[in-house]
Structure formats: C-alpha cells, structure tokens
Amino acid sequence: MKKQKDPANAIADKKQKETAKRSKSNAMMFYYSYYMYIEKIVPKKQRRQAYEMLMKYAFEGVVPEISKTPKSIYGLYLLAKELIDANRRNHSRSVARSETKQRKNDPKKDDLLSEIEADLALVEPQENA
C-alpha cells in the first residue's frame, strides 16, 4: 500500500519549487555597447575570452581576477558590471512583486485545504458503505 502525501505539504512544495524557478535569472541583457567594445577594443584573439567572461559573470557571478585578465577584457567587465547588477536587482524585485501579488490573489489556505479534502472524499471509497 502506497503512503499518501499530505495535501498541505504537496501544495507548499509546489509553491517553493515555482518560486525557486522564478528567482533564478536565466537570461541577461546584451547591450550594443558590449558588442562594440569587444569589436573595437578587444583584440581578435581575446574576443572569445571576453564573451565568456561576460557570461560567467552574468550567470554564475564569477568576477575576473585583475591579475590574470587582459586589460581590455577587464575594462569590459567594468563597463558591464553595473548594468548586469542592475538588471539582476530589477529581476529580483520583479519576482518579489509577483510573489506578493500571487499571495494576495490566492485563496486562503484553509479554503484551499477544504477544497482538496472535499475532492479526496469524492475519490476515496467510504468505509461505512
């Protein structure tokens, strides 16, 4: 016989997973100024490294080491850092606003639980019958 999950815990787990998905940024704004900087200032042999540096900072938060990074690429980091950080902050605020809005629009937990219990009562066989 399978053990049934508590409906309240299942709902909480689902909401937690959805929040985690929304809070992680899986995109970045790539500005024309980044492209022009790489094309005009970064030497051709180092362009791939420049793009990788931008992606690693935007998606993983990896800050390039000043001693190991060519000056032209470190300059790109300085140019892009503030914009990437601002976009990340805006994304976090947007997620927080949408969560607050959802909480206001969600039915009360008791109402939701009573609906689930009523649905389960319809599905589960009655012992007295």
N, C-alpha and C. Protein backbone atom coordinates (compact mmCIF):
# COMPACT_ATOMS: atom_id res chain seq x y z
N MET A 1 0.84 -1.17 0.00
CA MET A 1 0.00 0.00 0.00
C MET A 1 0.89 1.25 0.00
N LYS A 2 0.62 2.17 -0.93
CA LYS A 2 1.41 3.40 -1.04
C LYS A 2 1.00 4.40 0.02
N LYS A 3 1.99 5.08 0.55
CA LYS A 3 1.72 6.11 1.53
C LYS A 3 1.33 7.39 0.79
N GLN A 4 0.21 8.00 1.17
CA GLN A 4 -0.26 9.20 0.52
C GLN A 4 0.41 10.43 1.13
N LYS A 5 0.69 11.39 0.28
CA LYS A 5 1.28 12.64 0.75
C LYS A 5 0.21 13.54 1.34
N ASP A 6 0.62 14.31 2.31
CA ASP A 6 -0.27 15.29 2.92
C ASP A 6 -0.53 16.39 1.89
N PRO A 7 -1.80 16.71 1.57
CA PRO A 7 -2.08 17.72 0.55
C PRO A 7 -1.48 19.08 0.87
N ALA A 8 -1.44 19.46 2.13
CA ALA A 8 -0.87 20.77 2.50
C ALA A 8 0.61 20.82 2.18
N ASN A 9 1.33 19.73 2.46
CA ASN A 9 2.76 19.69 2.16
C ASN A 9 3.01 19.68 0.66
N ALA A 10 2.16 18.99 -0.09
CA ALA A 10 2.31 18.95 -1.55
C ALA A 10 2.16 20.34 -2.15
N ILE A 11 1.19 21.10 -1.64
CA ILE A 11 0.98 22.46 -2.14
C ILE A 11 2.17 23.35 -1.80
N ALA A 12 2.67 23.25 -0.57
CA ALA A 12 3.82 24.06 -0.15
C ALA A 12 5.06 23.71 -0.97
N ASP A 13 5.29 22.43 -1.24
CA ASP A 13 6.44 22.01 -2.04
C ASP A 13 6.35 22.56 -3.45
N LYS A 14 5.16 22.51 -4.03
CA LYS A 14 4.97 23.01 -5.39
C LYS A 14 5.25 24.50 -5.47
N LYS A 15 4.73 25.26 -4.50
CA LYS A 15 4.95 26.71 -4.49
C LYS A 15 6.43 27.04 -4.31
N GLN A 16 7.11 26.27 -3.47
CA GLN A 16 8.53 26.51 -3.22
C GLN A 16 9.34 26.27 -4.49
N LYS A 17 9.02 25.21 -5.24
CA LYS A 17 9.73 24.91 -6.49
C LYS A 17 9.48 26.00 -7.53
N GLU A 18 8.25 26.49 -7.62
CA GLU A 18 7.93 27.55 -8.57
C GLU A 18 8.68 28.83 -8.23
N THR A 19 8.78 29.16 -6.96
CA THR A 19 9.50 30.36 -6.53
C THR A 19 10.98 30.25 -6.87
N ALA A 20 11.56 29.08 -6.65
CA ALA A 20 12.98 28.88 -6.96
C ALA A 20 13.23 29.05 -8.45
N LYS A 21 12.33 28.56 -9.28
CA LYS A 21 12.49 28.70 -10.73
C LYS A 21 12.46 30.17 -11.14
N ARG A 22 11.53 30.94 -10.55
CA ARG A 22 11.37 32.33 -10.94
C ARG A 22 12.47 33.22 -10.40
N SER A 23 13.04 32.89 -9.25
CA SER A 23 14.02 33.77 -8.65
C SER A 23 15.39 33.67 -9.31
N LYS A 24 15.66 32.58 -9.97
CA LYS A 24 16.95 32.43 -10.64
C LYS A 24 16.87 33.05 -12.02
N SER A 25 17.79 33.94 -12.31
CA SER A 25 17.80 34.59 -13.61
C SER A 25 18.47 33.67 -14.62
N ASN A 26 17.78 33.40 -15.70
CA ASN A 26 18.37 32.55 -16.72
C ASN A 26 18.51 33.33 -18.02
N ALA A 27 18.59 34.64 -17.91
CA ALA A 27 18.76 35.49 -19.07
C ALA A 27 19.59 36.71 -18.69
N MET A 28 20.16 37.34 -19.69
CA MET A 28 20.88 38.59 -19.44
C MET A 28 20.66 39.52 -20.62
N MET A 29 20.70 40.80 -20.34
CA MET A 29 20.60 41.81 -21.39
C MET A 29 21.99 41.93 -22.02
N PHE A 30 22.05 41.82 -23.33
CA PHE A 30 23.32 42.00 -24.03
C PHE A 30 23.20 43.29 -24.82
N TYR A 31 23.91 44.30 -24.38
CA TYR A 31 23.79 45.62 -24.97
C TYR A 31 24.73 45.79 -26.17
N TYR A 32 24.31 46.68 -27.05
CA TYR A 32 25.12 47.00 -28.23
C TYR A 32 26.48 47.54 -27.81
N SER A 33 26.54 48.24 -26.70
CA SER A 33 27.82 48.78 -26.23
C SER A 33 28.81 47.66 -25.90
N TYR A 34 28.33 46.51 -25.40
CA TYR A 34 29.21 45.38 -25.16
C TYR A 34 29.82 44.91 -26.48
N TYR A 35 28.95 44.73 -27.44
CA TYR A 35 29.38 44.25 -28.76
C TYR A 35 30.41 45.20 -29.37
N MET A 36 30.11 46.51 -29.35
CA MET A 36 31.03 47.49 -29.94
C MET A 36 32.36 47.52 -29.20
N TYR A 37 32.31 47.40 -27.89
CA TYR A 37 33.54 47.38 -27.10
C TYR A 37 34.40 46.19 -27.53
N ILE A 38 33.78 45.03 -27.61
CA ILE A 38 34.52 43.82 -27.97
C ILE A 38 35.08 43.93 -29.39
N GLU A 39 34.28 44.45 -30.32
CA GLU A 39 34.72 44.55 -31.71
C GLU A 39 35.82 45.61 -31.91
N LYS A 40 35.73 46.71 -31.20
CA LYS A 40 36.66 47.83 -31.42
C LYS A 40 37.88 47.82 -30.51
N ILE A 41 37.76 47.27 -29.30
CA ILE A 41 38.85 47.40 -28.34
C ILE A 41 39.55 46.07 -28.05
N VAL A 42 38.80 44.99 -27.93
CA VAL A 42 39.40 43.70 -27.58
C VAL A 42 40.06 43.10 -28.82
N PRO A 43 41.33 42.67 -28.70
CA PRO A 43 41.99 42.02 -29.84
C PRO A 43 41.24 40.75 -30.27
N LYS A 44 41.31 40.44 -31.58
CA LYS A 44 40.57 39.29 -32.12
C LYS A 44 40.85 38.00 -31.36
N LYS A 45 42.07 37.77 -30.97
CA LYS A 45 42.44 36.53 -30.28
C LYS A 45 41.81 36.42 -28.90
N GLN A 46 41.38 37.53 -28.32
CA GLN A 46 40.83 37.52 -26.97
C GLN A 46 39.31 37.70 -26.93
N ARG A 47 38.66 37.78 -28.08
CA ARG A 47 37.21 38.05 -28.11
C ARG A 47 36.40 36.94 -27.46
N ARG A 48 36.77 35.71 -27.75
CA ARG A 48 36.03 34.60 -27.13
C ARG A 48 36.13 34.69 -25.60
N GLN A 49 37.31 34.98 -25.12
CA GLN A 49 37.53 35.11 -23.68
C GLN A 49 36.66 36.24 -23.11
N ALA A 50 36.50 37.31 -23.87
CA ALA A 50 35.67 38.44 -23.42
C ALA A 50 34.20 38.02 -23.30
N TYR A 51 33.69 37.31 -24.31
CA TYR A 51 32.30 36.85 -24.25
C TYR A 51 32.11 35.87 -23.09
N GLU A 52 33.06 34.97 -22.91
CA GLU A 52 32.96 34.01 -21.81
C GLU A 52 32.98 34.71 -20.45
N MET A 53 33.80 35.73 -20.33
CA MET A 53 33.87 36.48 -19.08
C MET A 53 32.52 37.11 -18.77
N LEU A 54 31.87 37.70 -19.79
CA LEU A 54 30.56 38.31 -19.58
C LEU A 54 29.53 37.28 -19.13
N MET A 55 29.50 36.14 -19.80
CA MET A 55 28.52 35.10 -19.47
C MET A 55 28.76 34.53 -18.07
N LYS A 56 30.02 34.30 -17.73
CA LYS A 56 30.33 33.75 -16.40
C LYS A 56 29.94 34.73 -15.30
N TYR A 57 30.15 36.02 -15.55
CA TYR A 57 29.76 36.99 -14.52
C TYR A 57 28.24 37.07 -14.42
N ALA A 58 27.57 37.13 -15.56
CA ALA A 58 26.11 37.30 -15.55
C ALA A 58 25.38 36.09 -14.97
N PHE A 59 25.81 34.88 -15.32
CA PHE A 59 25.07 33.68 -14.92
C PHE A 59 25.61 32.99 -13.68
N GLU A 60 26.90 33.14 -13.41
CA GLU A 60 27.50 32.43 -12.28
C GLU A 60 28.06 33.37 -11.22
N GLY A 61 28.15 34.66 -11.53
CA GLY A 61 28.68 35.63 -10.58
C GLY A 61 30.20 35.57 -10.43
N VAL A 62 30.87 34.99 -11.41
CA VAL A 62 32.34 34.85 -11.35
C VAL A 62 32.97 36.19 -11.73
N VAL A 63 33.72 36.75 -10.79
CA VAL A 63 34.42 38.02 -11.03
C VAL A 63 35.81 37.70 -11.57
N PRO A 64 36.19 38.30 -12.70
CA PRO A 64 37.52 38.01 -13.24
C PRO A 64 38.62 38.56 -12.34
N GLU A 65 39.71 37.80 -12.25
CA GLU A 65 40.86 38.26 -11.46
C GLU A 65 41.62 39.30 -12.26
N ILE A 66 41.87 40.44 -11.64
CA ILE A 66 42.52 41.54 -12.35
C ILE A 66 43.93 41.16 -12.81
N SER A 67 44.62 40.33 -12.03
CA SER A 67 46.00 39.98 -12.38
C SER A 67 46.06 38.97 -13.52
N LYS A 68 45.01 38.18 -13.72
CA LYS A 68 45.03 37.14 -14.76
C LYS A 68 44.22 37.52 -16.00
N THR A 69 43.58 38.69 -15.99
CA THR A 69 42.71 39.09 -17.09
C THR A 69 43.37 40.21 -17.89
N PRO A 70 43.38 40.10 -19.22
CA PRO A 70 43.92 41.20 -20.03
C PRO A 70 43.18 42.50 -19.75
N LYS A 71 43.89 43.62 -19.86
CA LYS A 71 43.31 44.92 -19.52
C LYS A 71 42.05 45.23 -20.34
N SER A 72 42.07 44.89 -21.62
CA SER A 72 40.90 45.21 -22.46
C SER A 72 39.66 44.44 -22.00
N ILE A 73 39.85 43.19 -21.58
CA ILE A 73 38.72 42.38 -21.11
C ILE A 73 38.27 42.85 -19.73
N TYR A 74 39.20 43.22 -18.88
CA TYR A 74 38.82 43.73 -17.57
C TYR A 74 38.06 45.05 -17.71
N GLY A 75 38.43 45.84 -18.70
CA GLY A 75 37.70 47.08 -18.98
C GLY A 75 36.25 46.79 -19.37
N LEU A 76 36.04 45.72 -20.14
CA LEU A 76 34.68 45.31 -20.50
C LEU A 76 33.91 44.91 -19.24
N TYR A 77 34.56 44.20 -18.35
CA TYR A 77 33.93 43.82 -17.08
C TYR A 77 33.47 45.07 -16.33
N LEU A 78 34.34 46.07 -16.24
CA LEU A 78 33.99 47.31 -15.54
C LEU A 78 32.82 48.02 -16.21
N LEU A 79 32.78 47.98 -17.54
CA LEU A 79 31.68 48.59 -18.28
C LEU A 79 30.36 47.85 -18.02
N ALA A 80 30.40 46.53 -18.03
CA ALA A 80 29.19 45.72 -17.97
C ALA A 80 28.69 45.45 -16.54
N LYS A 81 29.58 45.48 -15.57
CA LYS A 81 29.24 45.08 -14.20
C LYS A 81 28.01 45.80 -13.65
N GLU A 82 28.00 47.12 -13.72
CA GLU A 82 26.89 47.89 -13.15
C GLU A 82 25.57 47.57 -13.84
N LEU A 83 25.61 47.41 -15.17
CA LEU A 83 24.37 47.11 -15.89
C LEU A 83 23.87 45.71 -15.57
N ILE A 84 24.75 44.75 -15.50
CA ILE A 84 24.36 43.37 -15.16
C ILE A 84 23.79 43.32 -13.75
N ASP A 85 24.46 44.00 -12.82
CA ASP A 85 23.98 44.03 -11.43
C ASP A 85 22.61 44.71 -11.33
N ALA A 86 22.42 45.80 -12.05
CA ALA A 86 21.14 46.50 -12.03
C ALA A 86 20.03 45.62 -12.61
N ASN A 87 20.32 44.92 -13.68
CA ASN A 87 19.32 44.02 -14.26
C ASN A 87 18.98 42.89 -13.30
N ARG A 88 19.97 42.39 -12.60
CA ARG A 88 19.73 41.32 -11.62
C ARG A 88 18.85 41.83 -10.47
N ARG A 89 19.13 43.06 -9.99
CA ARG A 89 18.30 43.64 -8.93
C ARG A 89 16.86 43.84 -9.40
N ASN A 90 16.71 44.35 -10.63
CA ASN A 90 15.37 44.56 -11.17
C ASN A 90 14.62 43.24 -11.30
N HIS A 91 15.31 42.20 -11.71
CA HIS A 91 14.69 40.88 -11.83
C HIS A 91 14.23 40.39 -10.46
N SER A 92 15.07 40.54 -9.45
CA SER A 92 14.72 40.11 -8.09
C SER A 92 13.50 40.87 -7.58
N ARG A 93 13.46 42.17 -7.82
CA ARG A 93 12.31 42.97 -7.40
C ARG A 93 11.04 42.53 -8.12
N SER A 94 11.17 42.24 -9.39
CA SER A 94 10.02 41.79 -10.17
C SER A 94 9.47 40.48 -9.64
N VAL A 95 10.37 39.56 -9.31
CA VAL A 95 9.94 38.27 -8.75
C VAL A 95 9.25 38.49 -7.41
N ALA A 96 9.81 39.35 -6.58
CA ALA A 96 9.21 39.62 -5.28
C ALA A 96 7.82 40.24 -5.43
N ARG A 97 7.68 41.18 -6.37
CA ARG A 97 6.36 41.80 -6.60
C ARG A 97 5.34 40.78 -7.08
N SER A 98 5.74 39.89 -7.98
CA SER A 98 4.79 38.91 -8.49
C SER A 98 4.40 37.91 -7.40
N GLU A 99 5.33 37.56 -6.52
CA GLU A 99 5.00 36.66 -5.41
C GLU A 99 4.02 37.33 -4.45
N THR A 100 4.24 38.61 -4.17
CA THR A 100 3.33 39.34 -3.29
C THR A 100 1.94 39.42 -3.91
N LYS A 101 1.90 39.69 -5.20
CA LYS A 101 0.63 39.77 -5.91
C LYS A 101 -0.09 38.42 -5.88
N GLN A 102 0.66 37.33 -6.07
CA GLN A 102 0.05 36.00 -6.05
C GLN A 102 -0.50 35.67 -4.66
N ARG A 103 0.24 36.05 -3.62
CA ARG A 103 -0.23 35.79 -2.26
C ARG A 103 -1.54 36.51 -1.98
N LYS A 104 -1.66 37.73 -2.50
CA LYS A 104 -2.88 38.50 -2.29
C LYS A 104 -4.05 37.87 -3.05
N ASN A 105 -3.77 37.31 -4.22
CA ASN A 105 -4.83 36.75 -5.06
C ASN A 105 -5.16 35.29 -4.74
N ASP A 106 -4.27 34.61 -4.01
CA ASP A 106 -4.51 33.20 -3.68
C ASP A 106 -5.64 33.08 -2.67
N PRO A 107 -6.45 32.01 -2.80
CA PRO A 107 -7.46 31.79 -1.76
C PRO A 107 -6.77 31.45 -0.45
N LYS A 108 -7.49 31.63 0.63
CA LYS A 108 -6.91 31.33 1.94
C LYS A 108 -6.53 29.86 2.00
N LYS A 109 -5.52 29.56 2.77
CA LYS A 109 -5.02 28.18 2.88
C LYS A 109 -6.13 27.24 3.37
N ASP A 110 -6.92 27.68 4.33
CA ASP A 110 -8.00 26.84 4.86
C ASP A 110 -9.01 26.51 3.78
N ASP A 111 -9.36 27.50 2.96
CA ASP A 111 -10.31 27.27 1.88
C ASP A 111 -9.76 26.27 0.88
N LEU A 112 -8.48 26.42 0.56
CA LEU A 112 -7.84 25.53 -0.39
C LEU A 112 -7.76 24.11 0.16
N LEU A 113 -7.41 23.97 1.42
CA LEU A 113 -7.35 22.65 2.03
C LEU A 113 -8.73 21.99 2.09
N SER A 114 -9.76 22.77 2.40
CA SER A 114 -11.10 22.18 2.46
C SER A 114 -11.55 21.73 1.08
N GLU A 115 -11.15 22.47 0.04
CA GLU A 115 -11.47 22.05 -1.33
C GLU A 115 -10.77 20.73 -1.67
N ILE A 116 -9.51 20.61 -1.30
CA ILE A 116 -8.75 19.39 -1.58
C ILE A 116 -9.36 18.22 -0.81
N GLU A 117 -9.68 18.44 0.45
CA GLU A 117 -10.28 17.36 1.25
C GLU A 117 -11.61 16.92 0.67
N ALA A 118 -12.40 17.86 0.16
CA ALA A 118 -13.68 17.52 -0.46
C ALA A 118 -13.46 16.70 -1.72
N ASP A 119 -12.46 17.08 -2.51
CA ASP A 119 -12.14 16.32 -3.73
C ASP A 119 -11.66 14.91 -3.38
N LEU A 120 -10.84 14.81 -2.34
CA LEU A 120 -10.34 13.49 -1.93
C LEU A 120 -11.48 12.61 -1.42
N ALA A 121 -12.44 13.21 -0.74
CA ALA A 121 -13.58 12.44 -0.22
C ALA A 121 -14.39 11.84 -1.36
N LEU A 122 -14.44 12.55 -2.48
CA LEU A 122 -15.16 12.04 -3.64
C LEU A 122 -14.45 10.85 -4.27
N VAL A 123 -13.11 10.89 -4.22
CA VAL A 123 -12.30 9.84 -4.86
C VAL A 123 -12.13 8.61 -3.98
N GLU A 124 -11.89 8.82 -2.69
CA GLU A 124 -11.63 7.71 -1.77
C GLU A 124 -12.92 6.95 -1.45
N PRO A 125 -12.86 5.63 -1.38
CA PRO A 125 -14.06 4.85 -1.04
C PRO A 125 -14.43 5.08 0.44
N GLN A 126 -15.71 5.11 0.70
CA GLN A 126 -16.19 5.31 2.06
C GLN A 126 -16.13 3.99 2.81
N GLU A 127 -15.67 4.00 4.06
CA GLU A 127 -15.57 2.78 4.86
C GLU A 127 -16.94 2.32 5.34
N ASN A 128 -17.85 3.25 5.57
CA ASN A 128 -19.18 2.90 6.09
C ASN A 128 -20.08 2.30 5.03
N ALA A 129 -19.76 2.45 3.77
CA ALA A 129 -20.65 1.98 2.71
C ALA A 129 -20.63 0.50 2.54
